[in-house]
Amino acid sequence: ESVFSVITGAIILHEAMDPRGYLGCLLIFGA
């Protein structure tokens, strides 16, 4: 669910994060 929220946010709303943010997402998803 959390991964799809980032993907759809990027495609539809053109949201973007810096590498630091994506690393944070990766840690949260892993946890």
PDB file of all heavy atoms in Angstrom:
ATOM      1  N   GLU A   1       0.831  -1.211   0.000  1.00  0.00           N
ATOM      2  CA  GLU A   1       0.000   0.000   0.000  1.00  0.00           C
ATOM      3  C   GLU A   1       0.862   1.257   0.000  1.00  0.00           C
ATOM      4  O   GLU A   1       0.617   2.209  -0.756  1.00  0.00           O
ATOM      5  CB  GLU A   1      -0.914  -0.009   1.226  1.00  0.00           C
ATOM      6  CG  GLU A   1      -1.623   1.293   1.509  1.00  0.00           C
ATOM      7  CD  GLU A   1      -2.279   1.311   2.884  1.00  0.00           C
ATOM      8  OE1 GLU A   1      -2.199   0.290   3.604  1.00  0.00           O
ATOM      9  OE2 GLU A   1      -2.865   2.342   3.236  1.00  0.00           O
ATOM     10  N   SER A   2       1.896   1.278   0.841  1.00  0.00           N
ATOM     11  CA  SER A   2       2.750   2.464   0.951  1.00  0.00           C
ATOM     12  C   SER A   2       3.546   2.700  -0.328  1.00  0.00           C
ATOM     13  O   SER A   2       3.784   3.848  -0.725  1.00  0.00           O
ATOM     14  CB  SER A   2       3.687   2.322   2.148  1.00  0.00           C
ATOM     15  OG  SER A   2       4.480   1.158   2.039  1.00  0.00           O
ATOM     16  N   VAL A   3       3.967   1.627  -0.992  1.00  0.00           N
ATOM     17  CA  VAL A   3       4.715   1.766  -2.242  1.00  0.00           C
ATOM     18  C   VAL A   3       3.813   2.344  -3.327  1.00  0.00           C
ATOM     19  O   VAL A   3       4.219   3.248  -4.072  1.00  0.00           O
ATOM     20  CB  VAL A   3       5.272   0.397  -2.690  1.00  0.00           C
ATOM     21  CG1 VAL A   3       5.993   0.524  -4.029  1.00  0.00           C
ATOM     22  CG2 VAL A   3       6.211  -0.165  -1.636  1.00  0.00           C
ATOM     23  N   PHE A   4       2.585   1.842  -3.418  1.00  0.00           N
ATOM     24  CA  PHE A   4       1.653   2.341  -4.421  1.00  0.00           C
ATOM     25  C   PHE A   4       1.294   3.818  -4.175  1.00  0.00           C
ATOM     26  O   PHE A   4       1.005   4.553  -5.119  1.00  0.00           O
ATOM     27  CB  PHE A   4       0.382   1.489  -4.442  1.00  0.00           C
ATOM     28  CG  PHE A   4       0.556   0.157  -5.108  1.00  0.00           C
ATOM     29  CD1 PHE A   4       0.205  -1.018  -4.443  1.00  0.00           C
ATOM     30  CD2 PHE A   4       1.078   0.063  -6.382  1.00  0.00           C
ATOM     31  CE1 PHE A   4       0.366  -2.252  -5.050  1.00  0.00           C
ATOM     32  CE2 PHE A   4       1.241  -1.176  -6.999  1.00  0.00           C
ATOM     33  CZ  PHE A   4       0.885  -2.335  -6.335  1.00  0.00           C
ATOM     34  N   SER A   5       1.308   4.246  -2.920  1.00  0.00           N
ATOM     35  CA  SER A   5       1.003   5.648  -2.632  1.00  0.00           C
ATOM     36  C   SER A   5       2.074   6.566  -3.222  1.00  0.00           C
ATOM     37  O   SER A   5       1.779   7.653  -3.722  1.00  0.00           O
ATOM     38  CB  SER A   5       0.889   5.875  -1.111  1.00  0.00           C
ATOM     39  OG  SER A   5       2.156   5.796  -0.489  1.00  0.00           O
ATOM     40  N   VAL A   6       3.337   6.131  -3.173  1.00  0.00           N
ATOM     41  CA  VAL A   6       4.433   6.922  -3.757  1.00  0.00           C
ATOM     42  C   VAL A   6       4.361   6.901  -5.277  1.00  0.00           C
ATOM     43  O   VAL A   6       4.500   7.929  -5.943  1.00  0.00           O
ATOM     44  CB  VAL A   6       5.799   6.389  -3.280  1.00  0.00           C
ATOM     45  CG1 VAL A   6       6.931   7.049  -4.057  1.00  0.00           C
ATOM     46  CG2 VAL A   6       5.978   6.644  -1.799  1.00  0.00           C
ATOM     47  N   ILE A   7       4.115   5.701  -5.848  1.00  0.00           N
ATOM     48  CA  ILE A   7       4.073   5.566  -7.311  1.00  0.00           C
ATOM     49  C   ILE A   7       2.941   6.394  -7.911  1.00  0.00           C
ATOM     50  O   ILE A   7       3.139   7.160  -8.865  1.00  0.00           O
ATOM     51  CB  ILE A   7       3.919   4.086  -7.708  1.00  0.00           C
ATOM     52  CG1 ILE A   7       5.168   3.297  -7.297  1.00  0.00           C
ATOM     53  CG2 ILE A   7       3.689   3.958  -9.214  1.00  0.00           C
ATOM     54  CD1 ILE A   7       5.041   1.802  -7.514  1.00  0.00           C
ATOM     55  N   THR A   8       1.732   6.250  -7.356  1.00  0.00           N
ATOM     56  CA  THR A   8       0.591   6.995  -7.898  1.00  0.00           C
ATOM     57  C   THR A   8       0.725   8.492  -7.631  1.00  0.00           C
ATOM     58  O   THR A   8       0.302   9.318  -8.437  1.00  0.00           O
ATOM     59  CB  THR A   8      -0.732   6.479  -7.307  1.00  0.00           C
ATOM     60  OG1 THR A   8      -0.655   6.488  -5.867  1.00  0.00           O
ATOM     61  CG2 THR A   8      -1.013   5.059  -7.771  1.00  0.00           C
ATOM     62  N   GLY A   9       1.331   8.861  -6.487  1.00  0.00           N
ATOM     63  CA  GLY A   9       1.564  10.280  -6.206  1.00  0.00           C
ATOM     64  C   GLY A   9       2.519  10.891  -7.202  1.00  0.00           C
ATOM     65  O   GLY A   9       2.349  12.039  -7.640  1.00  0.00           O
ATOM     66  N   ALA A  10       3.541  10.140  -7.596  1.00  0.00           N
ATOM     67  CA  ALA A  10       4.521  10.635  -8.567  1.00  0.00           C
ATOM     68  C   ALA A  10       3.906  10.743  -9.959  1.00  0.00           C
ATOM     69  O   ALA A  10       4.133  11.723 -10.687  1.00  0.00           O
ATOM     70  CB  ALA A  10       5.736   9.712  -8.599  1.00  0.00           C
ATOM     71  N   ILE A  11       3.086   9.743 -10.354  1.00  0.00           N
ATOM     72  CA  ILE A  11       2.505   9.733 -11.698  1.00  0.00           C
ATOM     73  C   ILE A  11       1.390  10.756 -11.857  1.00  0.00           C
ATOM     74  O   ILE A  11       1.355  11.518 -12.828  1.00  0.00           O
ATOM     75  CB  ILE A  11       1.964   8.319 -12.029  1.00  0.00           C
ATOM     76  CG1 ILE A  11       3.123   7.317 -12.107  1.00  0.00           C
ATOM     77  CG2 ILE A  11       1.189   8.335 -13.348  1.00  0.00           C
ATOM     78  CD1 ILE A  11       2.673   5.881 -12.288  1.00  0.00           C
ATOM     79  N   ILE A  12       0.482  10.802 -10.883  1.00  0.00           N
ATOM     80  CA  ILE A  12      -0.710  11.644 -11.027  1.00  0.00           C
ATOM     81  C   ILE A  12      -0.469  13.075 -10.537  1.00  0.00           C
ATOM     82  O   ILE A  12      -0.864  14.041 -11.187  1.00  0.00           O
ATOM     83  CB  ILE A  12      -1.900  11.021 -10.273  1.00  0.00           C
ATOM     84  CG1 ILE A  12      -2.209   9.629 -10.858  1.00  0.00           C
ATOM     85  CG2 ILE A  12      -3.140  11.915 -10.365  1.00  0.00           C
ATOM     86  CD1 ILE A  12      -3.286   8.870 -10.109  1.00  0.00           C
ATOM     87  N   LEU A  13       0.185  13.204  -9.376  1.00  0.00           N
ATOM     88  CA  LEU A  13       0.379  14.535  -8.780  1.00  0.00           C
ATOM     89  C   LEU A  13       1.776  15.103  -9.032  1.00  0.00           C
ATOM     90  O   LEU A  13       2.067  16.214  -8.595  1.00  0.00           O
ATOM     91  CB  LEU A  13       0.127  14.462  -7.262  1.00  0.00           C
ATOM     92  CG  LEU A  13      -1.258  13.978  -6.826  1.00  0.00           C
ATOM     93  CD1 LEU A  13      -1.347  13.930  -5.314  1.00  0.00           C
ATOM     94  CD2 LEU A  13      -2.350  14.866  -7.407  1.00  0.00           C
ATOM     95  N   HIS A  14       2.620  14.326  -9.705  1.00  0.00           N
ATOM     96  CA  HIS A  14       4.000  14.754 -10.004  1.00  0.00           C
ATOM     97  C   HIS A  14       4.781  15.075  -8.735  1.00  0.00           C
ATOM     98  O   HIS A  14       5.602  15.998  -8.720  1.00  0.00           O
ATOM     99  CB  HIS A  14       4.004  15.959 -10.955  1.00  0.00           C
ATOM    100  CG  HIS A  14       3.198  15.742 -12.202  1.00  0.00           C
ATOM    101  ND1 HIS A  14       3.564  14.844 -13.197  1.00  0.00           N
ATOM    102  CD2 HIS A  14       2.008  16.290 -12.608  1.00  0.00           C
ATOM    103  CE1 HIS A  14       2.650  14.853 -14.160  1.00  0.00           C
ATOM    104  NE2 HIS A  14       1.700  15.706 -13.830  1.00  0.00           N
ATOM    105  N   GLU A  15       4.516  14.310  -7.673  1.00  0.00           N
ATOM    106  CA  GLU A  15       5.260  14.484  -6.431  1.00  0.00           C
ATOM    107  C   GLU A  15       6.637  13.836  -6.574  1.00  0.00           C
ATOM    108  O   GLU A  15       6.800  12.850  -7.284  1.00  0.00           O
ATOM    109  CB  GLU A  15       4.516  13.849  -5.260  1.00  0.00           C
ATOM    110  CG  GLU A  15       3.181  14.503  -4.958  1.00  0.00           C
ATOM    111  CD  GLU A  15       2.440  13.813  -3.821  1.00  0.00           C
ATOM    112  OE1 GLU A  15       2.831  12.692  -3.460  1.00  0.00           O
ATOM    113  OE2 GLU A  15       1.473  14.393  -3.307  1.00  0.00           O
ATOM    114  N   ALA A  16       7.602  14.405  -5.891  1.00  0.00           N
ATOM    115  CA  ALA A  16       8.964  13.861  -5.961  1.00  0.00           C
ATOM    116  C   ALA A  16       9.648  14.043  -4.617  1.00  0.00           C
ATOM    117  O   ALA A  16       9.317  14.938  -3.841  1.00  0.00           O
ATOM    118  CB  ALA A  16       9.761  14.557  -7.065  1.00  0.00           C
ATOM    119  N   MET A  17      10.609  13.161  -4.325  1.00  0.00           N
ATOM    120  CA  MET A  17      11.412  13.257  -3.117  1.00  0.00           C
ATOM    121  C   MET A  17      12.880  13.213  -3.496  1.00  0.00           C
ATOM    122  O   MET A  17      13.246  12.709  -4.568  1.00  0.00           O
ATOM    123  CB  MET A  17      11.085  12.100  -2.159  1.00  0.00           C
ATOM    124  CG  MET A  17       9.722  12.194  -1.500  1.00  0.00           C
ATOM    125  SD  MET A  17       9.425  10.839  -0.313  1.00  0.00           S
ATOM    126  CE  MET A  17       9.157   9.476  -1.448  1.00  0.00           C
ATOM    127  N   ASP A  18      13.730  13.728  -2.625  1.00  0.00           N
ATOM    128  CA  ASP A  18      15.164  13.621  -2.848  1.00  0.00           C
ATOM    129  C   ASP A  18      15.631  12.221  -2.435  1.00  0.00           C
ATOM    130  O   ASP A  18      14.864  11.455  -1.846  1.00  0.00           O
ATOM    131  CB  ASP A  18      15.926  14.710  -2.085  1.00  0.00           C
ATOM    132  CG  ASP A  18      15.642  14.687  -0.590  1.00  0.00           C
ATOM    133  OD1 ASP A  18      15.170  13.646  -0.078  1.00  0.00           O
ATOM    134  OD2 ASP A  18      15.877  15.703   0.083  1.00  0.00           O
ATOM    135  N   PRO A  19      16.883  11.838  -2.761  1.00  0.00           N
ATOM    136  CA  PRO A  19      17.376  10.500  -2.398  1.00  0.00           C
ATOM    137  C   PRO A  19      17.242  10.194  -0.904  1.00  0.00           C
ATOM    138  O   PRO A  19      17.004   9.050  -0.519  1.00  0.00           O
ATOM    139  CB  PRO A  19      18.850  10.547  -2.832  1.00  0.00           C
ATOM    140  CG  PRO A  19      18.868  11.531  -3.956  1.00  0.00           C
ATOM    141  CD  PRO A  19      17.861  12.575  -3.571  1.00  0.00           C
ATOM    142  N   ARG A  20      17.388  11.231  -0.066  1.00  0.00           N
ATOM    143  CA  ARG A  20      17.246  11.050   1.369  1.00  0.00           C
ATOM    144  C   ARG A  20      15.844  10.548   1.712  1.00  0.00           C
ATOM    145  O   ARG A  20      15.662   9.650   2.534  1.00  0.00           O
ATOM    146  CB  ARG A  20      17.538  12.383   2.066  1.00  0.00           C
ATOM    147  CG  ARG A  20      17.359  12.401   3.579  1.00  0.00           C
ATOM    148  CD  ARG A  20      17.489  13.841   4.066  1.00  0.00           C
ATOM    149  NE  ARG A  20      17.255  13.968   5.486  1.00  0.00           N
ATOM    150  CZ  ARG A  20      18.206  13.960   6.397  1.00  0.00           C
ATOM    151  NH1 ARG A  20      19.469  13.812   6.031  1.00  0.00           N
ATOM    152  NH2 ARG A  20      17.907  14.094   7.682  1.00  0.00           N
ATOM    153  N   GLY A  21      14.828  11.129   1.065  1.00  0.00           N
ATOM    154  CA  GLY A  21      13.452  10.717   1.309  1.00  0.00           C
ATOM    155  C   GLY A  21      13.177   9.297   0.858  1.00  0.00           C
ATOM    156  O   GLY A  21      12.492   8.534   1.537  1.00  0.00           O
ATOM    157  N   TYR A  22      13.722   8.928  -0.320  1.00  0.00           N
ATOM    158  CA  TYR A  22      13.526   7.570  -0.819  1.00  0.00           C
ATOM    159  C   TYR A  22      14.218   6.552   0.081  1.00  0.00           C
ATOM    160  O   TYR A  22      13.713   5.434   0.274  1.00  0.00           O
ATOM    161  CB  TYR A  22      14.035   7.446  -2.252  1.00  0.00           C
ATOM    162  CG  TYR A  22      13.127   8.109  -3.262  1.00  0.00           C
ATOM    163  CD1 TYR A  22      13.527   9.244  -3.961  1.00  0.00           C
ATOM    164  CD2 TYR A  22      11.843   7.605  -3.497  1.00  0.00           C
ATOM    165  CE1 TYR A  22      12.684   9.858  -4.879  1.00  0.00           C
ATOM    166  CE2 TYR A  22      10.992   8.213  -4.410  1.00  0.00           C
ATOM    167  CZ  TYR A  22      11.417   9.337  -5.099  1.00  0.00           C
ATOM    168  OH  TYR A  22      10.569   9.940  -5.990  1.00  0.00           O
ATOM    169  N   LEU A  23      15.381   6.912   0.642  1.00  0.00           N
ATOM    170  CA  LEU A  23      16.054   6.021   1.585  1.00  0.00           C
ATOM    171  C   LEU A  23      15.197   5.839   2.834  1.00  0.00           C
ATOM    172  O   LEU A  23      15.088   4.729   3.383  1.00  0.00           O
ATOM    173  CB  LEU A  23      17.425   6.590   1.967  1.00  0.00           C
ATOM    174  CG  LEU A  23      18.230   5.782   2.994  1.00  0.00           C
ATOM    175  CD1 LEU A  23      18.461   4.358   2.499  1.00  0.00           C
ATOM    176  CD2 LEU A  23      19.556   6.478   3.301  1.00  0.00           C
ATOM    177  N   GLY A  24      14.557   6.925   3.285  1.00  0.00           N
ATOM    178  CA  GLY A  24      13.647   6.835   4.425  1.00  0.00           C
ATOM    179  C   GLY A  24      12.481   5.909   4.134  1.00  0.00           C
ATOM    180  O   GLY A  24      12.088   5.087   4.974  1.00  0.00           O
ATOM    181  N   CYS A  25      11.915   6.016   2.919  1.00  0.00           N
ATOM    182  CA  CYS A  25      10.822   5.135   2.513  1.00  0.00           C
ATOM    183  C   CYS A  25      11.269   3.673   2.533  1.00  0.00           C
ATOM    184  O   CYS A  25      10.528   2.785   2.976  1.00  0.00           O
ATOM    185  CB  CYS A  25      10.338   5.502   1.111  1.00  0.00           C
ATOM    186  SG  CYS A  25       9.425   7.061   1.017  1.00  0.00           S
ATOM    187  N   LEU A  26      12.488   3.436   2.048  1.00  0.00           N
ATOM    188  CA  LEU A  26      13.017   2.075   2.002  1.00  0.00           C
ATOM    189  C   LEU A  26      13.164   1.494   3.402  1.00  0.00           C
ATOM    190  O   LEU A  26      12.820   0.334   3.647  1.00  0.00           O
ATOM    191  CB  LEU A  26      14.364   2.070   1.284  1.00  0.00           C
ATOM    192  CG  LEU A  26      15.033   0.699   1.090  1.00  0.00           C
ATOM    193  CD1 LEU A  26      14.138  -0.207   0.234  1.00  0.00           C
ATOM    194  CD2 LEU A  26      16.401   0.860   0.450  1.00  0.00           C
ATOM    195  N   LEU A  27      13.657   2.315   4.344  1.00  0.00           N
ATOM    196  CA  LEU A  27      13.809   1.845   5.724  1.00  0.00           C
ATOM    197  C   LEU A  27      12.453   1.546   6.361  1.00  0.00           C
ATOM    198  O   LEU A  27      12.285   0.532   7.046  1.00  0.00           O
ATOM    199  CB  LEU A  27      14.563   2.893   6.552  1.00  0.00           C
ATOM    200  CG  LEU A  27      16.082   2.948   6.352  1.00  0.00           C
ATOM    201  CD1 LEU A  27      16.661   4.161   7.086  1.00  0.00           C
ATOM    202  CD2 LEU A  27      16.738   1.666   6.852  1.00  0.00           C
ATOM    203  N   ILE A  28      11.483   2.430   6.149  1.00  0.00           N
ATOM    204  CA  ILE A  28      10.148   2.225   6.716  1.00  0.00           C
ATOM    205  C   ILE A  28       9.506   0.974   6.125  1.00  0.00           C
ATOM    206  O   ILE A  28       8.949   0.130   6.839  1.00  0.00           O
ATOM    207  CB  ILE A  28       9.252   3.452   6.465  1.00  0.00           C
ATOM    208  CG1 ILE A  28       9.745   4.642   7.290  1.00  0.00           C
ATOM    209  CG2 ILE A  28       7.791   3.144   6.823  1.00  0.00           C
ATOM    210  CD1 ILE A  28       8.989   5.934   7.018  1.00  0.00           C
ATOM    211  N   PHE A  29       9.615   0.816   4.805  1.00  0.00           N
ATOM    212  CA  PHE A  29       9.023  -0.359   4.158  1.00  0.00           C
ATOM    213  C   PHE A  29       9.686  -1.637   4.656  1.00  0.00           C
ATOM    214  O   PHE A  29       9.015  -2.639   4.925  1.00  0.00           O
ATOM    215  CB  PHE A  29       9.166  -0.246   2.642  1.00  0.00           C
ATOM    216  CG  PHE A  29       8.518  -1.383   1.895  1.00  0.00           C
ATOM    217  CD1 PHE A  29       7.141  -1.540   1.903  1.00  0.00           C
ATOM    218  CD2 PHE A  29       9.283  -2.289   1.184  1.00  0.00           C
ATOM    219  CE1 PHE A  29       6.539  -2.579   1.226  1.00  0.00           C
ATOM    220  CE2 PHE A  29       8.690  -3.341   0.504  1.00  0.00           C
ATOM    221  CZ  PHE A  29       7.315  -3.481   0.516  1.00  0.00           C
ATOM    222  N   GLY A  30      11.017  -1.609   4.803  1.00  0.00           N
ATOM    223  CA  GLY A  30      11.725  -2.775   5.323  1.00  0.00           C
ATOM    224  C   GLY A  30      11.294  -3.115   6.733  1.00  0.00           C
ATOM    225  O   GLY A  30      11.099  -4.292   7.073  1.00  0.00           O
ATOM    226  N   ALA A  31      11.123  -2.085   7.570  1.00  0.00           N
ATOM    227  CA  ALA A  31      10.688  -2.311   8.950  1.00  0.00           C
ATOM    228  C   ALA A  31       9.292  -2.914   8.986  1.00  0.00           C
ATOM    229  O   ALA A  31       9.014  -3.835   9.769  1.00  0.00           O
ATOM    230  CB  ALA A  31      10.713  -0.986   9.725  1.00  0.00           C
TER     231      ALA A  31
END
